[in-house]
PDB file of N, CA and C in Angstrom:
ATOM      1  N   LEU A   1      66.950 -20.740 147.752  1.00  0.00           N
ATOM      2  CA  LEU A   1      67.452 -21.314 146.676  1.00  0.00           C
ATOM      3  C   LEU A   1      67.050 -20.806 145.403  1.00  0.00           C
ATOM      4  N   GLY A   2      65.419 -20.275 145.930  1.00  0.00           N
ATOM      5  CA  GLY A   2      65.068 -19.933 144.393  1.00  0.00           C
ATOM      6  C   GLY A   2      63.871 -20.638 144.057  1.00  0.00           C
ATOM      7  N   PRO A   3      62.954 -20.393 143.221  1.00  0.00           N
ATOM      8  CA  PRO A   3      62.308 -21.058 142.332  1.00  0.00           C
ATOM      9  C   PRO A   3      62.381 -22.534 141.582  1.00  0.00           C
ATOM     10  N   ALA A   4      63.729 -22.494 141.668  1.00  0.00           N
ATOM     11  CA  ALA A   4      64.856 -24.004 140.739  1.00  0.00           C
ATOM     12  C   ALA A   4      64.148 -25.118 141.917  1.00  0.00           C
ATOM     13  N   VAL A   5      64.032 -24.547 143.107  1.00  0.00           N
ATOM     14  CA  VAL A   5      64.436 -25.521 144.316  1.00  0.00           C
ATOM     15  C   VAL A   5      63.095 -25.674 145.100  1.00  0.00           C
ATOM     16  N   ASN A   6      62.955 -24.459 145.510  1.00  0.00           N
ATOM     17  CA  ASN A   6      61.447 -24.164 146.378  1.00  0.00           C
ATOM     18  C   ASN A   6      60.156 -24.297 146.266  1.00  0.00           C
ATOM     19  N   THR A   7      59.255 -25.016 146.631  1.00  0.00           N
ATOM     20  CA  THR A   7      58.171 -24.856 146.126  1.00  0.00           C
ATOM     21  C   THR A   7      57.062 -24.337 147.161  1.00  0.00           C
ATOM     22  N   GLU A   8      56.064 -24.401 146.991  1.00  0.00           N
ATOM     23  CA  GLU A   8      54.652 -23.815 147.849  1.00  0.00           C
ATOM     24  C   GLU A   8      54.862 -24.942 148.955  1.00  0.00           C
ATOM     25  N   GLY A   9      55.358 -26.284 148.775  1.00  0.00           N
ATOM     26  CA  GLY A   9      55.216 -27.405 149.640  1.00  0.00           C
ATOM     27  C   GLY A   9      56.846 -27.222 150.385  1.00  0.00           C
ATOM     28  N   ALA A  10      56.692 -28.788 151.317  1.00  0.00           N
ATOM     29  CA  ALA A  10      57.942 -28.354 152.332  1.00  0.00           C
ATOM     30  C   ALA A  10      58.697 -28.608 151.534  1.00  0.00           C
ATOM     31  N   GLU A  11      59.965 -28.493 151.606  1.00  0.00           N
ATOM     32  CA  GLU A  11      61.676 -29.024 151.278  1.00  0.00           C
ATOM     33  C   GLU A  11      62.154 -29.284 152.564  1.00  0.00           C
ATOM     34  N   TYR A  12      62.664 -30.119 152.462  1.00  0.00           N
ATOM     35  CA  TYR A  12      63.829 -30.347 153.977  1.00  0.00           C
ATOM     36  C   TYR A  12      65.077 -31.619 153.734  1.00  0.00           C
ATOM     37  N   ALA A  13      65.880 -31.298 154.358  1.00  0.00           N
ATOM     38  CA  ALA A  13      66.547 -32.253 154.870  1.00  0.00           C
ATOM     39  C   ALA A  13      67.511 -32.503 153.919  1.00  0.00           C
ATOM     40  N   GLY A  14      67.989 -31.305 153.298  1.00  0.00           N
ATOM     41  CA  GLY A  14      68.656 -31.326 151.956  1.00  0.00           C
ATOM     42  C   GLY A  14      69.789 -31.739 152.527  1.00  0.00           C
ATOM     43  N   PHE A  15      70.796 -31.778 151.688  1.00  0.00           N
ATOM     44  CA  PHE A  15      72.688 -32.251 151.924  1.00  0.00           C
ATOM     45  C   PHE A  15      73.148 -32.410 150.502  1.00  0.00           C
ATOM     46  N   LEU A  16      74.441 -32.088 150.141  1.00  0.00           N
ATOM     47  CA  LEU A  16      75.063 -31.556 149.211  1.00  0.00           C
ATOM     48  C   LEU A  16      76.107 -32.774 149.358  1.00  0.00           C
ATOM     49  N   THR A  17      76.640 -32.829 148.194  1.00  0.00           N
ATOM     50  CA  THR A  17      77.819 -34.061 147.933  1.00  0.00           C
ATOM     51  C   THR A  17      79.188 -33.217 148.171  1.00  0.00           C
ATOM     52  N   ALA A  18      79.875 -33.819 148.552  1.00  0.00           N
ATOM     53  CA  ALA A  18      81.150 -33.404 148.904  1.00  0.00           C
ATOM     54  C   ALA A  18      81.581 -32.485 147.680  1.00  0.00           C
ATOM     55  N   ASP A  19      81.426 -32.456 147.009  1.00  0.00           N
ATOM     56  CA  ASP A  19      81.857 -31.328 145.692  1.00  0.00           C
ATOM     57  C   ASP A  19      81.042 -29.973 145.545  1.00  0.00           C
ATOM     58  N   ASN A  20      79.885 -30.335 145.977  1.00  0.00           N
ATOM     59  CA  ASN A  20      78.619 -29.020 146.719  1.00  0.00           C
ATOM     60  C   ASN A  20      78.325 -29.012 145.325  1.00  0.00           C
ATOM     61  N   ALA A  21      78.573 -29.941 144.468  1.00  0.00           N
ATOM     62  CA  ALA A  21      77.587 -29.933 142.782  1.00  0.00           C
ATOM     63  C   ALA A  21      76.360 -30.165 143.017  1.00  0.00           C
ATOM     64  N   ARG A  22      75.787 -31.308 143.552  1.00  0.00           N
ATOM     65  CA  ARG A  22      74.406 -31.539 143.655  1.00  0.00           C
ATOM     66  C   ARG A  22      73.759 -31.121 144.907  1.00  0.00           C
ATOM     67  N   LEU A  23      72.466 -31.699 144.939  1.00  0.00           N
ATOM     68  CA  LEU A  23      71.913 -31.062 146.048  1.00  0.00           C
ATOM     69  C   LEU A  23      70.765 -32.276 146.109  1.00  0.00           C
ATOM     70  N   PHE A  24      70.705 -32.820 147.614  1.00  0.00           N
ATOM     71  CA  PHE A  24      69.454 -33.814 147.450  1.00  0.00           C
ATOM     72  C   PHE A  24      68.662 -33.458 148.547  1.00  0.00           C
ATOM     73  N   PHE A  25      67.170 -33.671 148.273  1.00  0.00           N
ATOM     74  CA  PHE A  25      66.461 -33.215 149.578  1.00  0.00           C
ATOM     75  C   PHE A  25      65.017 -34.073 149.062  1.00  0.00           C
ATOM     76  N   THR A  26      64.463 -33.769 150.654  1.00  0.00           N
ATOM     77  CA  THR A  26      62.977 -34.636 150.593  1.00  0.00           C
ATOM     78  C   THR A  26      62.311 -33.214 150.340  1.00  0.00           C
ATOM     79  N   SER A  27      60.718 -33.573 149.379  1.00  0.00           N
ATOM     80  CA  SER A  27      60.093 -32.727 149.530  1.00  0.00           C
ATOM     81  C   SER A  27      58.405 -33.004 149.244  1.00  0.00           C
ATOM     82  N   GLU A  28      57.606 -32.475 149.571  1.00  0.00           N
ATOM     83  CA  GLU A  28      56.259 -32.861 150.232  1.00  0.00           C
ATOM     84  C   GLU A  28      55.682 -31.587 148.553  1.00  0.00           C
ATOM     85  N   ARG A  29      55.709 -31.972 147.556  1.00  0.00           N
ATOM     86  CA  ARG A  29      55.035 -30.723 146.412  1.00  0.00           C
ATOM     87  C   ARG A  29      54.444 -31.920 145.586  1.00  0.00           C
ATOM     88  N   GLU A  30      53.559 -30.767 144.789  1.00  0.00           N
ATOM     89  CA  GLU A  30      52.604 -31.175 143.844  1.00  0.00           C
ATOM     90  C   GLU A  30      53.168 -32.139 142.396  1.00  0.00           C
ATOM     91  N   GLY A  31      52.810 -32.993 142.099  1.00  0.00           N
ATOM     92  CA  GLY A  31      53.513 -33.855 141.149  1.00  0.00           C
ATOM     93  C   GLY A  31      54.159 -35.334 141.894  1.00  0.00           C
ATOM     94  N   ASN A  32      54.316 -35.202 143.467  1.00  0.00           N
ATOM     95  CA  ASN A  32      55.082 -36.052 143.726  1.00  0.00           C
ATOM     96  C   ASN A  32      53.997 -37.876 143.405  1.00  0.00           C
ATOM     97  N   LEU A  33      54.639 -38.721 143.644  1.00  0.00           N
ATOM     98  CA  LEU A  33      54.346 -39.903 143.425  1.00  0.00           C
ATOM     99  C   LEU A  33      53.177 -40.229 144.168  1.00  0.00           C
ATOM    100  N   GLY A  34      52.810 -40.479 145.328  1.00  0.00           N
ATOM    101  CA  GLY A  34      52.059 -40.136 146.411  1.00  0.00           C
ATOM    102  C   GLY A  34      51.355 -39.781 146.521  1.00  0.00           C
ATOM    103  N   GLY A  35      50.189 -39.851 147.646  1.00  0.00           N
ATOM    104  CA  GLY A  35      49.484 -38.547 147.989  1.00  0.00           C
ATOM    105  C   GLY A  35      48.104 -38.834 147.077  1.00  0.00           C
ATOM    106  N   SER A  36      47.147 -37.575 147.996  1.00  0.00           N
ATOM    107  CA  SER A  36      46.286 -37.005 147.054  1.00  0.00           C
ATOM    108  C   SER A  36      46.504 -35.472 146.616  1.00  0.00           C
ATOM    109  N   SER A  37      45.406 -35.157 145.717  1.00  0.00           N
ATOM    110  CA  SER A  37      45.577 -33.464 145.614  1.00  0.00           C
ATOM    111  C   SER A  37      45.558 -32.444 146.118  1.00  0.00           C
ATOM    112  N   THR A  38      45.486 -33.198 147.514  1.00  0.00           N
ATOM    113  CA  THR A  38      45.797 -31.703 148.223  1.00  0.00           C
ATOM    114  C   THR A  38      46.816 -32.176 149.112  1.00  0.00           C
ATOM    115  N   ASP A  39      47.184 -33.213 149.381  1.00  0.00           N
ATOM    116  CA  ASP A  39      48.033 -33.376 150.522  1.00  0.00           C
ATOM    117  C   ASP A  39      49.222 -34.649 149.970  1.00  0.00           C
ATOM    118  N   PHE A  40      50.724 -34.058 149.249  1.00  0.00           N
ATOM    119  CA  PHE A  40      51.388 -34.593 148.847  1.00  0.00           C
ATOM    120  C   PHE A  40      52.619 -35.778 149.609  1.00  0.00           C
ATOM    121  N   ASP A  41      52.937 -36.811 149.302  1.00  0.00           N
ATOM    122  CA  ASP A  41      53.615 -37.690 150.331  1.00  0.00           C
ATOM    123  C   ASP A  41      55.044 -37.113 149.666  1.00  0.00           C
ATOM    124  N   GLU A  42      56.394 -37.487 150.552  1.00  0.00           N
ATOM    125  CA  GLU A  42      57.668 -37.146 150.703  1.00  0.00           C
ATOM    126  C   GLU A  42      58.004 -38.075 149.523  1.00  0.00           C
ATOM    127  N   ASP A  43      58.890 -37.108 148.446  1.00  0.00           N
ATOM    128  CA  ASP A  43      59.867 -37.849 147.575  1.00  0.00           C
ATOM    129  C   ASP A  43      60.839 -37.258 147.310  1.00  0.00           C
ATOM    130  N   PHE A  44      62.012 -37.902 146.919  1.00  0.00           N
ATOM    131  CA  PHE A  44      63.753 -37.153 146.963  1.00  0.00           C
ATOM    132  C   PHE A  44      63.787 -36.777 145.731  1.00  0.00           C
ATOM    133  N   TYR A  45      64.533 -35.542 145.795  1.00  0.00           N
ATOM    134  CA  TYR A  45      64.407 -34.578 144.796  1.00  0.00           C
ATOM    135  C   TYR A  45      65.977 -34.457 144.686  1.00  0.00           C
ATOM    136  N   GLU A  46      66.464 -34.128 143.531  1.00  0.00           N
ATOM    137  CA  GLU A  46      68.087 -33.754 143.148  1.00  0.00           C
ATOM    138  C   GLU A  46      68.120 -32.016 142.479  1.00  0.00           C
ATOM    139  N   ALA A  47      69.044 -31.130 142.778  1.00  0.00           N
ATOM    140  CA  ALA A  47      69.211 -30.359 142.097  1.00  0.00           C
ATOM    141  C   ALA A  47      71.144 -30.008 141.475  1.00  0.00           C
ATOM    142  N   THR A  48      71.197 -29.750 140.609  1.00  0.00           N
ATOM    143  CA  THR A  48      72.374 -29.586 139.924  1.00  0.00           C
ATOM    144  C   THR A  48      72.902 -28.291 140.044  1.00  0.00           C
ATOM    145  N   LEU A  49      74.265 -27.912 140.658  1.00  0.00           N
ATOM    146  CA  LEU A  49      74.280 -26.632 140.586  1.00  0.00           C
ATOM    147  C   LEU A  49      75.180 -26.316 139.059  1.00  0.00           C
ATOM    148  N   ASN A  50      74.569 -25.050 138.596  1.00  0.00           N
ATOM    149  CA  ASN A  50      74.752 -24.079 137.268  1.00  0.00           C
ATOM    150  C   ASN A  50      76.303 -23.918 136.917  1.00  0.00           C
ATOM    151  N   PRO A  51      76.915 -23.706 136.183  1.00  0.00           N
ATOM    152  CA  PRO A  51      78.078 -23.017 136.173  1.00  0.00           C
ATOM    153  C   PRO A  51      78.253 -21.507 136.250  1.00  0.00           C
ATOM    154  N   ASP A  52      77.288 -20.768 136.709  1.00  0.00           N
ATOM    155  CA  ASP A  52      76.807 -19.669 137.288  1.00  0.00           C
ATOM    156  C   ASP A  52      76.491 -19.615 138.705  1.00  0.00           C
ATOM    157  N   SER A  53      76.556 -20.374 139.016  1.00  0.00           N
ATOM    158  CA  SER A  53      76.450 -20.863 140.945  1.00  0.00           C
ATOM    159  C   SER A  53      74.744 -20.458 141.004  1.00  0.00           C
ATOM    160  N   SER A  54      73.967 -20.611 140.208  1.00  0.00           N
ATOM    161  CA  SER A  54      72.383 -20.675 140.444  1.00  0.00           C
ATOM    162  C   SER A  54      72.138 -22.675 140.307  1.00  0.00           C
ATOM    163  N   TRP A  55      70.822 -22.848 140.440  1.00  0.00           N
ATOM    164  CA  TRP A  55      70.373 -24.093 140.742  1.00  0.00           C
ATOM    165  C   TRP A  55      69.607 -24.445 139.647  1.00  0.00           C
ATOM    166  N   ALA A  56      70.164 -25.769 138.732  1.00  0.00           N
ATOM    167  CA  ALA A  56      69.019 -26.126 137.752  1.00  0.00           C
ATOM    168  C   ALA A  56      67.562 -26.733 138.490  1.00  0.00           C
ATOM    169  N   PRO A  57      66.817 -26.562 137.750  1.00  0.00           N
ATOM    170  CA  PRO A  57      65.196 -27.007 138.643  1.00  0.00           C
ATOM    171  C   PRO A  57      65.367 -27.846 138.950  1.00  0.00           C
ATOM    172  N   ALA A  58      64.852 -28.783 139.943  1.00  0.00           N
ATOM    173  CA  ALA A  58      65.235 -30.211 140.981  1.00  0.00           C
ATOM    174  C   ALA A  58      64.294 -31.046 140.008  1.00  0.00           C
ATOM    175  N   ARG A  59      64.780 -32.204 140.180  1.00  0.00           N
ATOM    176  CA  ARG A  59      64.064 -33.283 139.284  1.00  0.00           C
ATOM    177  C   ARG A  59      63.711 -34.387 140.313  1.00  0.00           C
ATOM    178  N   ASN A  60      62.300 -34.723 140.716  1.00  0.00           N
ATOM    179  CA  ASN A  60      62.084 -36.308 141.059  1.00  0.00           C
ATOM    180  C   ASN A  60      63.074 -36.945 140.612  1.00  0.00           C
ATOM    181  N   LEU A  61      63.287 -38.031 141.729  1.00  0.00           N
ATOM    182  CA  LEU A  61      64.128 -39.118 141.399  1.00  0.00           C
ATOM    183  C   LEU A  61      63.877 -40.340 141.022  1.00  0.00           C
ATOM    184  N   GLY A  62      62.327 -40.493 141.034  1.00  0.00           N
ATOM    185  CA  GLY A  62      61.760 -41.370 140.454  1.00  0.00           C
ATOM    186  C   GLY A  62      61.614 -42.677 140.641  1.00  0.00           C
ATOM    187  N   PRO A  63      61.046 -43.951 140.562  1.00  0.00           N
ATOM    188  CA  PRO A  63      61.373 -45.398 140.647  1.00  0.00           C
ATOM    189  C   PRO A  63      62.469 -45.691 140.420  1.00  0.00           C
ATOM    190  N   PRO A  64      62.732 -46.504 141.179  1.00  0.00           N
ATOM    191  CA  PRO A  64      62.494 -47.276 141.920  1.00  0.00           C
ATOM    192  C   PRO A  64      63.131 -46.481 142.784  1.00  0.00           C
ATOM    193  N   ILE A  65      63.700 -45.524 143.513  1.00  0.00           N
ATOM    194  CA  ILE A  65      63.632 -45.133 144.531  1.00  0.00           C
ATOM    195  C   ILE A  65      62.677 -43.867 145.315  1.00  0.00           C
ATOM    196  N   ASN A  66      61.791 -43.276 144.652  1.00  0.00           N
ATOM    197  CA  ASN A  66      60.606 -43.019 144.852  1.00  0.00           C
ATOM    198  C   ASN A  66      59.152 -44.176 144.613  1.00  0.00           C
ATOM    199  N   THR A  67      58.455 -44.102 145.444  1.00  0.00           N
ATOM    200  CA  THR A  67      57.571 -44.687 145.449  1.00  0.00           C
ATOM    201  C   THR A  67      55.820 -44.528 145.588  1.00  0.00           C
ATOM    202  N   GLU A  68      55.248 -44.967 145.745  1.00  0.00           N
ATOM    203  CA  GLU A  68      53.608 -44.207 146.011  1.00  0.00           C
ATOM    204  C   GLU A  68      53.655 -44.175 147.507  1.00  0.00           C
ATOM    205  N   LEU A  69      54.721 -44.571 148.437  1.00  0.00           N
ATOM    206  CA  LEU A  69      54.950 -44.249 149.948  1.00  0.00           C
ATOM    207  C   LEU A  69      55.501 -43.312 150.074  1.00  0.00           C
ATOM    208  N   ASN A  70      55.710 -42.721 151.250  1.00  0.00           N
ATOM    209  CA  ASN A  70      56.505 -41.417 151.707  1.00  0.00           C
ATOM    210  C   ASN A  70      58.078 -42.011 151.918  1.00  0.00           C
ATOM    211  N   GLU A  71      58.644 -40.930 151.533  1.00  0.00           N
ATOM    212  CA  GLU A  71      60.101 -41.668 151.333  1.00  0.00           C
ATOM    213  C   GLU A  71      60.869 -40.126 152.202  1.00  0.00           C
ATOM    214  N   GLY A  72      61.253 -40.445 153.642  1.00  0.00           N
ATOM    215  CA  GLY A  72      61.625 -39.472 153.886  1.00  0.00           C
ATOM    216  C   GLY A  72      63.516 -38.663 153.607  1.00  0.00           C
ATOM    217  N   VAL A  73      63.862 -38.716 154.965  1.00  0.00           N
ATOM    218  CA  VAL A  73      65.282 -38.134 154.792  1.00  0.00           C
ATOM    219  C   VAL A  73      66.250 -39.448 154.670  1.00  0.00           C
ATOM    220  N   GLY A  74      66.753 -38.615 153.392  1.00  0.00           N
ATOM    221  CA  GLY A  74      68.014 -39.944 152.961  1.00  0.00           C
ATOM    222  C   GLY A  74      69.298 -39.340 153.803  1.00  0.00           C
ATOM    223  N   CYS A  75      70.341 -40.088 152.494  1.00  0.00           N
ATOM    224  CA  CYS A  75      72.032 -40.186 152.938  1.00  0.00           C
ATOM    225  C   CYS A  75      72.495 -40.812 152.289  1.00  0.00           C
ATOM    226  N   ILE A  76      73.955 -40.255 151.430  1.00  0.00           N
ATOM    227  CA  ILE A  76      74.471 -40.870 150.614  1.00  0.00           C
ATOM    228  C   ILE A  76      76.045 -40.632 151.153  1.00  0.00           C
ATOM    229  N   SER A  77      76.505 -42.038 150.830  1.00  0.00           N
ATOM    230  CA  SER A  77      78.292 -41.292 151.693  1.00  0.00           C
ATOM    231  C   SER A  77      78.733 -41.990 150.545  1.00  0.00           C
TER     232      SER A  77
END
């Protein structure tokens, strides 16, 4: 999905909304709310599909969804 979504950290458990316009996923990356400077906790992220079919830069969903603890795999229905 390119650098807008992928980092050197782990990104996984992605799922698209029914209209395929938003991607939600879990990531262990620098800048997450918990963890240390070398061991990042899991946070939930969202990326939106641009009109040119590229992905906008992923954004951390932040509090209250993300906390200083690990947030694992999510599901939206």
